PDB file of N, CA and C in Angstrom:
ATOM      1  N   UNK A   1       8.213  13.771  -0.474  1.00  0.00           N
ATOM      2  CA  UNK A   1       6.784  13.524  -0.506  1.00  0.00           C
ATOM      3  C   UNK A   1       6.275  13.490  -1.947  1.00  0.00           C
ATOM      4  N   UNK A   2       6.879  14.321  -2.806  1.00  0.00           N
ATOM      5  CA  UNK A   2       6.457  14.322  -4.208  1.00  0.00           C
ATOM      6  C   UNK A   2       6.720  12.967  -4.845  1.00  0.00           C
ATOM      7  N   UNK A   3       7.828  12.349  -4.465  1.00  0.00           N
ATOM      8  CA  UNK A   3       8.182  11.029  -4.988  1.00  0.00           C
ATOM      9  C   UNK A   3       7.113  10.011  -4.595  1.00  0.00           C
ATOM     10  N   UNK A   4       6.657  10.047  -3.352  1.00  0.00           N
ATOM     11  CA  UNK A   4       5.631   9.125  -2.868  1.00  0.00           C
ATOM     12  C   UNK A   4       4.336   9.350  -3.633  1.00  0.00           C
ATOM     13  N   UNK A   5       3.924  10.595  -3.767  1.00  0.00           N
ATOM     14  CA  UNK A   5       2.676  10.906  -4.471  1.00  0.00           C
ATOM     15  C   UNK A   5       2.743  10.452  -5.931  1.00  0.00           C
ATOM     16  N   UNK A   6       3.880  10.662  -6.558  1.00  0.00           N
ATOM     17  CA  UNK A   6       4.035  10.257  -7.959  1.00  0.00           C
ATOM     18  C   UNK A   6       3.949   8.734  -8.095  1.00  0.00           C
ATOM     19  N   UNK A   7       4.679   8.017  -7.261  1.00  0.00           N
ATOM     20  CA  UNK A   7       4.647   6.551  -7.317  1.00  0.00           C
ATOM     21  C   UNK A   7       3.270   6.006  -6.962  1.00  0.00           C
ATOM     22  N   UNK A   8       2.617   6.618  -5.977  1.00  0.00           N
ATOM     23  CA  UNK A   8       1.319   6.132  -5.509  1.00  0.00           C
ATOM     24  C   UNK A   8       0.225   6.302  -6.553  1.00  0.00           C
ATOM     25  N   UNK A   9       0.414   7.202  -7.491  1.00  0.00           N
ATOM     26  CA  UNK A   9      -0.620   7.451  -8.494  1.00  0.00           C
ATOM     27  C   UNK A   9      -0.391   6.667  -9.791  1.00  0.00           C
ATOM     28  N   UNK A  10       0.667   5.878  -9.859  1.00  0.00           N
ATOM     29  CA  UNK A  10       0.991   5.185 -11.099  1.00  0.00           C
ATOM     30  C   UNK A  10       0.215   3.897 -11.321  1.00  0.00           C
ATOM     31  N   UNK A  11      -0.428   3.368 -10.295  1.00  0.00           N
ATOM     32  CA  UNK A  11      -1.185   2.135 -10.411  1.00  0.00           C
ATOM     33  C   UNK A  11      -2.359   2.194  -9.441  1.00  0.00           C
ATOM     34  N   UNK A  12      -3.383   1.383  -9.670  1.00  0.00           N
ATOM     35  CA  UNK A  12      -4.580   1.421  -8.819  1.00  0.00           C
ATOM     36  C   UNK A  12      -4.256   1.103  -7.364  1.00  0.00           C
ATOM     37  N   UNK A  13      -3.345   0.167  -7.133  1.00  0.00           N
ATOM     38  CA  UNK A  13      -2.927  -0.169  -5.766  1.00  0.00           C
ATOM     39  C   UNK A  13      -1.408  -0.144  -5.702  1.00  0.00           C
ATOM     40  N   UNK A  14      -0.899   0.584  -4.717  1.00  0.00           N
ATOM     41  CA  UNK A  14       0.541   0.691  -4.508  1.00  0.00           C
ATOM     42  C   UNK A  14       0.828   0.380  -3.047  1.00  0.00           C
ATOM     43  N   UNK A  15       1.818  -0.468  -2.831  1.00  0.00           N
ATOM     44  CA  UNK A  15       2.213  -0.833  -1.475  1.00  0.00           C
ATOM     45  C   UNK A  15       3.692  -0.524  -1.300  1.00  0.00           C
ATOM     46  N   UNK A  16       3.996   0.255  -0.262  1.00  0.00           N
ATOM     47  CA  UNK A  16       5.380   0.489   0.130  1.00  0.00           C
ATOM     48  C   UNK A  16       5.660  -0.502   1.240  1.00  0.00           C
ATOM     49  N   UNK A  17       6.747  -1.250   1.092  1.00  0.00           N
ATOM     50  CA  UNK A  17       6.989  -2.413   1.917  1.00  0.00           C
ATOM     51  C   UNK A  17       8.463  -2.535   2.246  1.00  0.00           C
ATOM     52  N   UNK A  18       8.779  -3.514   3.083  1.00  0.00           N
ATOM     53  CA  UNK A  18      10.159  -3.946   3.304  1.00  0.00           C
ATOM     54  C   UNK A  18      10.151  -5.452   3.152  1.00  0.00           C
ATOM     55  N   UNK A  19      11.159  -5.971   2.491  1.00  0.00           N
ATOM     56  CA  UNK A  19      11.191  -7.399   2.188  1.00  0.00           C
ATOM     57  C   UNK A  19      11.258  -8.274   3.439  1.00  0.00           C
ATOM     58  N   UNK A  20      11.727  -7.731   4.546  1.00  0.00           N
ATOM     59  CA  UNK A  20      11.851  -8.513   5.777  1.00  0.00           C
ATOM     60  C   UNK A  20      10.663  -8.363   6.721  1.00  0.00           C
ATOM     61  N   UNK A  21       9.648  -7.616   6.329  1.00  0.00           N
ATOM     62  CA  UNK A  21       8.507  -7.315   7.198  1.00  0.00           C
ATOM     63  C   UNK A  21       7.390  -8.343   7.017  1.00  0.00           C
ATOM     64  N   UNK A  22       7.052  -9.052   8.100  1.00  0.00           N
ATOM     65  CA  UNK A  22       6.020 -10.095   7.992  1.00  0.00           C
ATOM     66  C   UNK A  22       4.626  -9.494   7.760  1.00  0.00           C
ATOM     67  N   UNK A  23       4.325  -8.329   8.321  1.00  0.00           N
ATOM     68  CA  UNK A  23       3.015  -7.703   8.081  1.00  0.00           C
ATOM     69  C   UNK A  23       2.909  -7.228   6.632  1.00  0.00           C
ATOM     70  N   UNK A  24       4.023  -6.793   6.072  1.00  0.00           N
ATOM     71  CA  UNK A  24       4.036  -6.400   4.659  1.00  0.00           C
ATOM     72  C   UNK A  24       3.707  -7.611   3.793  1.00  0.00           C
ATOM     73  N   UNK A  25       4.296  -8.729   4.124  1.00  0.00           N
ATOM     74  CA  UNK A  25       4.034  -9.960   3.376  1.00  0.00           C
ATOM     75  C   UNK A  25       2.548 -10.328   3.465  1.00  0.00           C
ATOM     76  N   UNK A  26       1.968 -10.211   4.653  1.00  0.00           N
ATOM     77  CA  UNK A  26       0.556 -10.546   4.838  1.00  0.00           C
ATOM     78  C   UNK A  26      -0.353  -9.620   4.025  1.00  0.00           C
ATOM     79  N   UNK A  27      -0.031  -8.350   3.986  1.00  0.00           N
ATOM     80  CA  UNK A  27      -0.855  -7.393   3.227  1.00  0.00           C
ATOM     81  C   UNK A  27      -0.720  -7.643   1.731  1.00  0.00           C
ATOM     82  N   UNK A  28       0.488  -7.899   1.258  1.00  0.00           N
ATOM     83  CA  UNK A  28       0.678  -8.209  -0.167  1.00  0.00           C
ATOM     84  C   UNK A  28      -0.112  -9.463  -0.536  1.00  0.00           C
ATOM     85  N   UNK A  29      -0.060 -10.470   0.322  1.00  0.00           N
ATOM     86  CA  UNK A  29      -0.788 -11.729   0.097  1.00  0.00           C
ATOM     87  C   UNK A  29      -2.301 -11.476   0.028  1.00  0.00           C
ATOM     88  N   UNK A  30      -2.799 -10.607   0.899  1.00  0.00           N
ATOM     89  CA  UNK A  30      -4.228 -10.263   0.908  1.00  0.00           C
ATOM     90  C   UNK A  30      -4.652  -9.725  -0.458  1.00  0.00           C
ATOM     91  N   UNK A  31      -3.875  -8.817  -1.020  1.00  0.00           N
ATOM     92  CA  UNK A  31      -4.224  -8.247  -2.322  1.00  0.00           C
ATOM     93  C   UNK A  31      -4.087  -9.276  -3.437  1.00  0.00           C
ATOM     94  N   UNK A  32      -3.004 -10.041  -3.426  1.00  0.00           N
ATOM     95  CA  UNK A  32      -2.820 -11.070  -4.454  1.00  0.00           C
ATOM     96  C   UNK A  32      -3.961 -12.085  -4.424  1.00  0.00           C
ATOM     97  N   UNK A  33      -4.387 -12.483  -3.221  1.00  0.00           N
ATOM     98  CA  UNK A  33      -5.456 -13.472  -3.090  1.00  0.00           C
ATOM     99  C   UNK A  33      -6.796 -12.964  -3.612  1.00  0.00           C
ATOM    100  N   UNK A  34      -6.946 -11.647  -3.696  1.00  0.00           N
ATOM    101  CA  UNK A  34      -8.180 -11.069  -4.233  1.00  0.00           C
ATOM    102  C   UNK A  34      -8.086 -10.817  -5.738  1.00  0.00           C
ATOM    103  N   UNK A  35      -6.951 -11.152  -6.322  1.00  0.00           N
ATOM    104  CA  UNK A  35      -6.775 -10.955  -7.754  1.00  0.00           C
ATOM    105  C   UNK A  35      -6.245  -9.587  -8.125  1.00  0.00           C
ATOM    106  N   UNK A  36      -5.743  -8.856  -7.151  1.00  0.00           N
ATOM    107  CA  UNK A  36      -5.194  -7.525  -7.383  1.00  0.00           C
ATOM    108  C   UNK A  36      -3.685  -7.658  -7.580  1.00  0.00           C
ATOM    109  N   UNK A  37      -3.167  -6.925  -8.538  1.00  0.00           N
ATOM    110  CA  UNK A  37      -1.734  -6.941  -8.805  1.00  0.00           C
ATOM    111  C   UNK A  37      -1.155  -5.559  -8.462  1.00  0.00           C
ATOM    112  N   UNK A  38      -0.788  -5.354  -7.207  1.00  0.00           N
ATOM    113  CA  UNK A  38      -0.315  -4.029  -6.803  1.00  0.00           C
ATOM    114  C   UNK A  38       1.109  -3.750  -7.271  1.00  0.00           C
ATOM    115  N   UNK A  39       1.422  -2.472  -7.375  1.00  0.00           N
ATOM    116  CA  UNK A  39       2.820  -2.070  -7.554  1.00  0.00           C
ATOM    117  C   UNK A  39       3.433  -2.101  -6.159  1.00  0.00           C
ATOM    118  N   UNK A  40       4.576  -2.732  -6.033  1.00  0.00           N
ATOM    119  CA  UNK A  40       5.207  -2.875  -4.723  1.00  0.00           C
ATOM    120  C   UNK A  40       6.594  -2.241  -4.763  1.00  0.00           C
ATOM    121  N   UNK A  41       6.842  -1.398  -3.791  1.00  0.00           N
ATOM    122  CA  UNK A  41       8.146  -0.760  -3.663  1.00  0.00           C
ATOM    123  C   UNK A  41       8.761  -1.218  -2.352  1.00  0.00           C
ATOM    124  N   UNK A  42       9.826  -2.004  -2.452  1.00  0.00           N
ATOM    125  CA  UNK A  42      10.532  -2.511  -1.283  1.00  0.00           C
ATOM    126  C   UNK A  42      11.555  -1.459  -0.857  1.00  0.00           C
ATOM    127  N   UNK A  43      11.277  -0.777   0.239  1.00  0.00           N
ATOM    128  CA  UNK A  43      12.114   0.339   0.656  1.00  0.00           C
ATOM    129  C   UNK A  43      13.526  -0.093   1.031  1.00  0.00           C
ATOM    130  N   UNK A  44      13.674  -1.319   1.530  1.00  0.00           N
ATOM    131  CA  UNK A  44      15.016  -1.782   1.903  1.00  0.00           C
ATOM    132  C   UNK A  44      15.845  -2.219   0.703  1.00  0.00           C
ATOM    133  N   UNK A  45      15.249  -2.205  -0.483  1.00  0.00           N
ATOM    134  CA  UNK A  45      15.966  -2.569  -1.703  1.00  0.00           C
ATOM    135  C   UNK A  45      16.073  -1.400  -2.684  1.00  0.00           C
ATOM    136  N   UNK A  46      15.613  -0.234  -2.263  1.00  0.00           N
ATOM    137  CA  UNK A  46      15.596   0.949  -3.123  1.00  0.00           C
ATOM    138  C   UNK A  46      16.613   1.960  -2.609  1.00  0.00           C
ATOM    139  N   UNK A  47      17.360   2.558  -3.512  1.00  0.00           N
ATOM    140  CA  UNK A  47      18.381   3.525  -3.103  1.00  0.00           C
ATOM    141  C   UNK A  47      17.772   4.751  -2.417  1.00  0.00           C
ATOM    142  N   UNK A  48      16.507   5.043  -2.707  1.00  0.00           N
ATOM    143  CA  UNK A  48      15.821   6.176  -2.068  1.00  0.00           C
ATOM    144  C   UNK A  48      14.931   5.717  -0.917  1.00  0.00           C
ATOM    145  N   UNK A  49      15.128   4.491  -0.467  1.00  0.00           N
ATOM    146  CA  UNK A  49      14.251   3.888   0.534  1.00  0.00           C
ATOM    147  C   UNK A  49      14.122   4.677   1.821  1.00  0.00           C
ATOM    148  N   UNK A  50      15.238   5.123   2.368  1.00  0.00           N
ATOM    149  CA  UNK A  50      15.187   5.882   3.632  1.00  0.00           C
ATOM    150  C   UNK A  50      14.409   7.183   3.461  1.00  0.00           C
ATOM    151  N   UNK A  51      14.658   7.854   2.348  1.00  0.00           N
ATOM    152  CA  UNK A  51      13.956   9.107   2.059  1.00  0.00           C
ATOM    153  C   UNK A  51      12.444   8.857   1.942  1.00  0.00           C
ATOM    154  N   UNK A  52      12.067   7.780   1.256  1.00  0.00           N
ATOM    155  CA  UNK A  52      10.646   7.455   1.105  1.00  0.00           C
ATOM    156  C   UNK A  52      10.041   7.056   2.449  1.00  0.00           C
ATOM    157  N   UNK A  53      10.817   6.363   3.274  1.00  0.00           N
ATOM    158  CA  UNK A  53      10.322   5.955   4.585  1.00  0.00           C
ATOM    159  C   UNK A  53      10.000   7.182   5.448  1.00  0.00           C
ATOM    160  N   UNK A  54      10.872   8.171   5.425  1.00  0.00           N
ATOM    161  CA  UNK A  54      10.619   9.408   6.179  1.00  0.00           C
ATOM    162  C   UNK A  54       9.385  10.129   5.635  1.00  0.00           C
ATOM    163  N   UNK A  55       9.229  10.155   4.329  1.00  0.00           N
ATOM    164  CA  UNK A  55       8.058  10.809   3.732  1.00  0.00           C
ATOM    165  C   UNK A  55       6.766  10.098   4.152  1.00  0.00           C
ATOM    166  N   UNK A  56       6.798   8.768   4.201  1.00  0.00           N
ATOM    167  CA  UNK A  56       5.619   8.013   4.632  1.00  0.00           C
ATOM    168  C   UNK A  56       5.282   8.311   6.091  1.00  0.00           C
ATOM    169  N   UNK A  57       6.301   8.439   6.916  1.00  0.00           N
ATOM    170  CA  UNK A  57       6.053   8.757   8.322  1.00  0.00           C
ATOM    171  C   UNK A  57       5.465  10.159   8.469  1.00  0.00           C
ATOM    172  N   UNK A  58       5.896  11.089   7.618  1.00  0.00           N
ATOM    173  CA  UNK A  58       5.323  12.445   7.647  1.00  0.00           C
ATOM    174  C   UNK A  58       3.866  12.439   7.201  1.00  0.00           C
ATOM    175  N   UNK A  59       3.499  11.454   6.381  1.00  0.00           N
ATOM    176  CA  UNK A  59       2.091  11.319   5.969  1.00  0.00           C
ATOM    177  C   UNK A  59       1.225  10.740   7.079  1.00  0.00           C
ATOM    178  N   UNK A  60       1.866  10.232   8.116  1.00  0.00           N
ATOM    179  CA  UNK A  60       1.121   9.669   9.232  1.00  0.00           C
ATOM    180  C   UNK A  60       1.169   8.161   9.304  1.00  0.00           C
ATOM    181  N   UNK A  61       1.988   7.548   8.489  1.00  0.00           N
ATOM    182  CA  UNK A  61       2.096   6.097   8.496  1.00  0.00           C
ATOM    183  C   UNK A  61       3.125   5.687   9.540  1.00  0.00           C
ATOM    184  N   UNK A  62       2.639   5.153  10.651  1.00  0.00           N
ATOM    185  CA  UNK A  62       3.519   4.740  11.728  1.00  0.00           C
ATOM    186  C   UNK A  62       3.043   3.407  12.264  1.00  0.00           C
ATOM    187  N   UNK A  63       3.738   2.307  12.021  1.00  0.00           N
ATOM    188  CA  UNK A  63       5.050   2.220  11.387  1.00  0.00           C
ATOM    189  C   UNK A  63       4.990   2.590   9.906  1.00  0.00           C
ATOM    190  N   UNK A  64       6.140   2.840   9.338  1.00  0.00           N
ATOM    191  CA  UNK A  64       6.189   3.357   7.965  1.00  0.00           C
ATOM    192  C   UNK A  64       5.763   2.340   6.914  1.00  0.00           C
ATOM    193  N   UNK A  65       5.872   1.055   7.216  1.00  0.00           N
ATOM    194  CA  UNK A  65       5.450   0.013   6.274  1.00  0.00           C
ATOM    195  C   UNK A  65       4.630  -1.032   7.009  1.00  0.00           C
ATOM    196  N   UNK A  66       3.695  -1.677   6.349  1.00  0.00           N
ATOM    197  CA  UNK A  66       3.297  -1.436   4.966  1.00  0.00           C
ATOM    198  C   UNK A  66       2.459  -0.161   4.862  1.00  0.00           C
ATOM    199  N   UNK A  67       2.634   0.564   3.792  1.00  0.00           N
ATOM    200  CA  UNK A  67       1.834   1.748   3.496  1.00  0.00           C
ATOM    201  C   UNK A  67       1.079   1.466   2.204  1.00  0.00           C
ATOM    202  N   UNK A  68      -0.239   1.527   2.277  1.00  0.00           N
ATOM    203  CA  UNK A  68      -1.073   1.142   1.142  1.00  0.00           C
ATOM    204  C   UNK A  68      -1.782   2.368   0.571  1.00  0.00           C
ATOM    205  N   UNK A  69      -1.704   2.493  -0.743  1.00  0.00           N
ATOM    206  CA  UNK A  69      -2.402   3.544  -1.475  1.00  0.00           C
ATOM    207  C   UNK A  69      -3.354   2.868  -2.449  1.00  0.00           C
ATOM    208  N   UNK A  70      -4.594   3.321  -2.485  1.00  0.00           N
ATOM    209  CA  UNK A  70      -5.579   2.804  -3.428  1.00  0.00           C
ATOM    210  C   UNK A  70      -6.133   3.999  -4.192  1.00  0.00           C
ATOM    211  N   UNK A  71      -6.063   3.933  -5.507  1.00  0.00           N
ATOM    212  CA  UNK A  71      -6.527   5.053  -6.323  1.00  0.00           C
ATOM    213  C   UNK A  71      -5.748   6.325  -6.066  1.00  0.00           C
ATOM    214  N   UNK A  72      -4.464   6.185  -5.711  1.00  0.00           N
ATOM    215  CA  UNK A  72      -3.617   7.352  -5.464  1.00  0.00           C
ATOM    216  C   UNK A  72      -3.783   7.965  -4.093  1.00  0.00           C
ATOM    217  N   UNK A  73      -4.696   7.435  -3.276  1.00  0.00           N
ATOM    218  CA  UNK A  73      -4.948   7.999  -1.945  1.00  0.00           C
ATOM    219  C   UNK A  73      -4.384   7.079  -0.871  1.00  0.00           C
ATOM    220  N   UNK A  74      -3.788   7.692   0.128  1.00  0.00           N
ATOM    221  CA  UNK A  74      -3.231   6.933   1.233  1.00  0.00           C
ATOM    222  C   UNK A  74      -4.364   6.314   2.046  1.00  0.00           C
ATOM    223  N   UNK A  75      -4.361   4.994   2.150  1.00  0.00           N
ATOM    224  CA  UNK A  75      -5.396   4.275   2.896  1.00  0.00           C
ATOM    225  C   UNK A  75      -4.940   4.031   4.328  1.00  0.00           C
ATOM    226  N   UNK A  76      -3.698   3.607   4.491  1.00  0.00           N
ATOM    227  CA  UNK A  76      -3.188   3.335   5.825  1.00  0.00           C
ATOM    228  C   UNK A  76      -2.224   2.173   5.807  1.00  0.00           C
ATOM    229  N   UNK A  77      -1.986   1.644   6.993  1.00  0.00           N
ATOM    230  CA  UNK A  77      -1.070   0.517   7.104  1.00  0.00           C
ATOM    231  C   UNK A  77      -1.862  -0.760   7.348  1.00  0.00           C
ATOM    232  N   UNK A  78      -1.205  -1.771   7.853  1.00  0.00           N
ATOM    233  CA  UNK A  78      -1.806  -3.103   7.973  1.00  0.00           C
ATOM    234  C   UNK A  78      -3.101  -3.084   8.784  1.00  0.00           C
ATOM    235  N   UNK A  79      -3.117  -2.387   9.892  1.00  0.00           N
ATOM    236  CA  UNK A  79      -4.293  -2.359  10.747  1.00  0.00           C
ATOM    237  C   UNK A  79      -5.512  -1.805  10.008  1.00  0.00           C
ATOM    238  N   UNK A  80      -5.331  -0.711   9.306  1.00  0.00           N
ATOM    239  CA  UNK A  80      -6.424  -0.084   8.562  1.00  0.00           C
ATOM    240  C   UNK A  80      -6.898  -0.982   7.428  1.00  0.00           C
ATOM    241  N   UNK A  81      -5.966  -1.555   6.690  1.00  0.00           N
ATOM    242  CA  UNK A  81      -6.331  -2.415   5.559  1.00  0.00           C
ATOM    243  C   UNK A  81      -7.094  -3.647   6.048  1.00  0.00           C
ATOM    244  N   UNK A  82      -6.633  -4.247   7.142  1.00  0.00           N
ATOM    245  CA  UNK A  82      -7.333  -5.414   7.678  1.00  0.00           C
ATOM    246  C   UNK A  82      -8.726  -5.051   8.171  1.00  0.00           C
ATOM    247  N   UNK A  83      -8.875  -3.884   8.769  1.00  0.00           N
ATOM    248  CA  UNK A  83     -10.195  -3.423   9.206  1.00  0.00           C
ATOM    249  C   UNK A  83     -11.125  -3.259   8.013  1.00  0.00           C
ATOM    250  N   UNK A  84     -10.624  -2.657   6.940  1.00  0.00           N
ATOM    251  CA  UNK A  84     -11.426  -2.489   5.721  1.00  0.00           C
ATOM    252  C   UNK A  84     -11.822  -3.835   5.133  1.00  0.00           C
ATOM    253  N   UNK A  85     -10.902  -4.794   5.172  1.00  0.00           N
ATOM    254  CA  UNK A  85     -11.187  -6.130   4.663  1.00  0.00           C
ATOM    255  C   UNK A  85     -12.287  -6.788   5.500  1.00  0.00           C
ATOM    256  N   UNK A  86     -12.173  -6.691   6.800  1.00  0.00           N
ATOM    257  CA  UNK A  86     -13.140  -7.341   7.685  1.00  0.00           C
ATOM    258  C   UNK A  86     -14.531  -6.708   7.625  1.00  0.00           C
ATOM    259  N   UNK A  87     -14.589  -5.386   7.423  1.00  0.00           N
ATOM    260  CA  UNK A  87     -15.913  -4.752   7.360  1.00  0.00           C
ATOM    261  C   UNK A  87     -16.485  -4.716   5.939  1.00  0.00           C
ATOM    262  N   UNK A  88     -15.742  -5.276   4.981  1.00  0.00           N
ATOM    263  CA  UNK A  88     -16.248  -5.418   3.620  1.00  0.00           C
ATOM    264  C   UNK A  88     -16.061  -4.228   2.705  1.00  0.00           C
ATOM    265  N   UNK A  89     -15.447  -3.166   3.186  1.00  0.00           N
ATOM    266  CA  UNK A  89     -15.330  -1.966   2.340  1.00  0.00           C
ATOM    267  C   UNK A  89     -14.077  -1.946   1.468  1.00  0.00           C
ATOM    268  N   UNK A  90     -13.115  -2.844   1.711  1.00  0.00           N
ATOM    269  CA  UNK A  90     -11.897  -2.865   0.893  1.00  0.00           C
ATOM    270  C   UNK A  90     -12.230  -3.213  -0.553  1.00  0.00           C
ATOM    271  N   UNK A  91     -13.074  -4.194  -0.757  1.00  0.00           N
ATOM    272  CA  UNK A  91     -13.415  -4.627  -2.114  1.00  0.00           C
ATOM    273  C   UNK A  91     -14.038  -3.482  -2.917  1.00  0.00           C
ATOM    274  N   UNK A  92     -14.899  -2.689  -2.280  1.00  0.00           N
ATOM    275  CA  UNK A  92     -15.521  -1.551  -2.962  1.00  0.00           C
ATOM    276  C   UNK A  92     -14.458  -0.523  -3.367  1.00  0.00           C
ATOM    277  N   UNK A  93     -13.541  -0.240  -2.461  1.00  0.00           N
ATOM    278  CA  UNK A  93     -12.473   0.708  -2.793  1.00  0.00           C
ATOM    279  C   UNK A  93     -11.636   0.199  -3.959  1.00  0.00           C
ATOM    280  N   UNK A  94     -11.364  -1.094  -3.977  1.00  0.00           N
ATOM    281  CA  UNK A  94     -10.576  -1.676  -5.057  1.00  0.00           C
ATOM    282  C   UNK A  94     -11.328  -1.583  -6.390  1.00  0.00           C
ATOM    283  N   UNK A  95     -12.630  -1.822  -6.367  1.00  0.00           N
ATOM    284  CA  UNK A  95     -13.441  -1.706  -7.585  1.00  0.00           C
ATOM    285  C   UNK A  95     -13.483  -0.270  -8.066  1.00  0.00           C
ATOM    286  N   UNK A  96     -13.704   0.661  -7.139  1.00  0.00           N
ATOM    287  CA  UNK A  96     -13.759   2.083  -7.484  1.00  0.00           C
ATOM    288  C   UNK A  96     -12.448   2.579  -8.105  1.00  0.00           C
ATOM    289  N   UNK A  97     -11.341   2.010  -7.671  1.00  0.00           N
ATOM    290  CA  UNK A  97     -10.026   2.424  -8.171  1.00  0.00           C
ATOM    291  C   UNK A  97      -9.653   1.710  -9.473  1.00  0.00           C
ATOM    292  N   UNK A  98     -10.460   0.724  -9.870  1.00  0.00           N
ATOM    293  CA  UNK A  98     -10.164  -0.018 -11.094  1.00  0.00           C
ATOM    294  C   UNK A  98      -9.199  -1.170 -10.896  1.00  0.00           C
ATOM    295  N   UNK A  99      -8.986  -1.573  -9.654  1.00  0.00           N
ATOM    296  CA  UNK A  99      -8.078  -2.682  -9.378  1.00  0.00           C
ATOM    297  C   UNK A  99      -8.789  -4.023  -9.510  1.00  0.00           C
ATOM    298  N   UNK A 100     -10.099  -4.004  -9.388  1.00  0.00           N
ATOM    299  CA  UNK A 100     -10.933  -5.218  -9.539  1.00  0.00           C
ATOM    300  C   UNK A 100     -12.042  -4.907 -10.527  1.00  0.00           C
ATOM    301  N   UNK A 101     -12.403  -5.891 -11.314  1.00  0.00           N
ATOM    302  CA  UNK A 101     -13.473  -5.678 -12.291  1.00  0.00           C
ATOM    303  C   UNK A 101     -14.752  -6.393 -11.909  1.00  0.00           C
ATOM    304  N   UNK A 102     -14.688  -7.371 -11.033  1.00  0.00           N
ATOM    305  CA  UNK A 102     -15.879  -8.147 -10.663  1.00  0.00           C
ATOM    306  C   UNK A 102     -16.502  -7.637  -9.398  1.00  0.00           C
TER     307      UNK A 102
END
């Protein structure tokens, strides 16, 4: 869990993902399309991937990916992020975290 917290605090937006996950791809695309450049950790390509996946599940992320952190805080997975996008509050969170300037 310490590894997740450390990685999640290194950039304004951090996404834990798997390269083969279509929802992960959609969430990454959502951030890129808004001009956000998140740090992305592909768990299936990382030697500590399984360990990080278990830590994410202990945080309450089920399924374990995509797991999105904004400003070092766990936001949720695809469903939560899409809800925030649709209700307009994602952009505010991104601005507050310094991921967007406009």
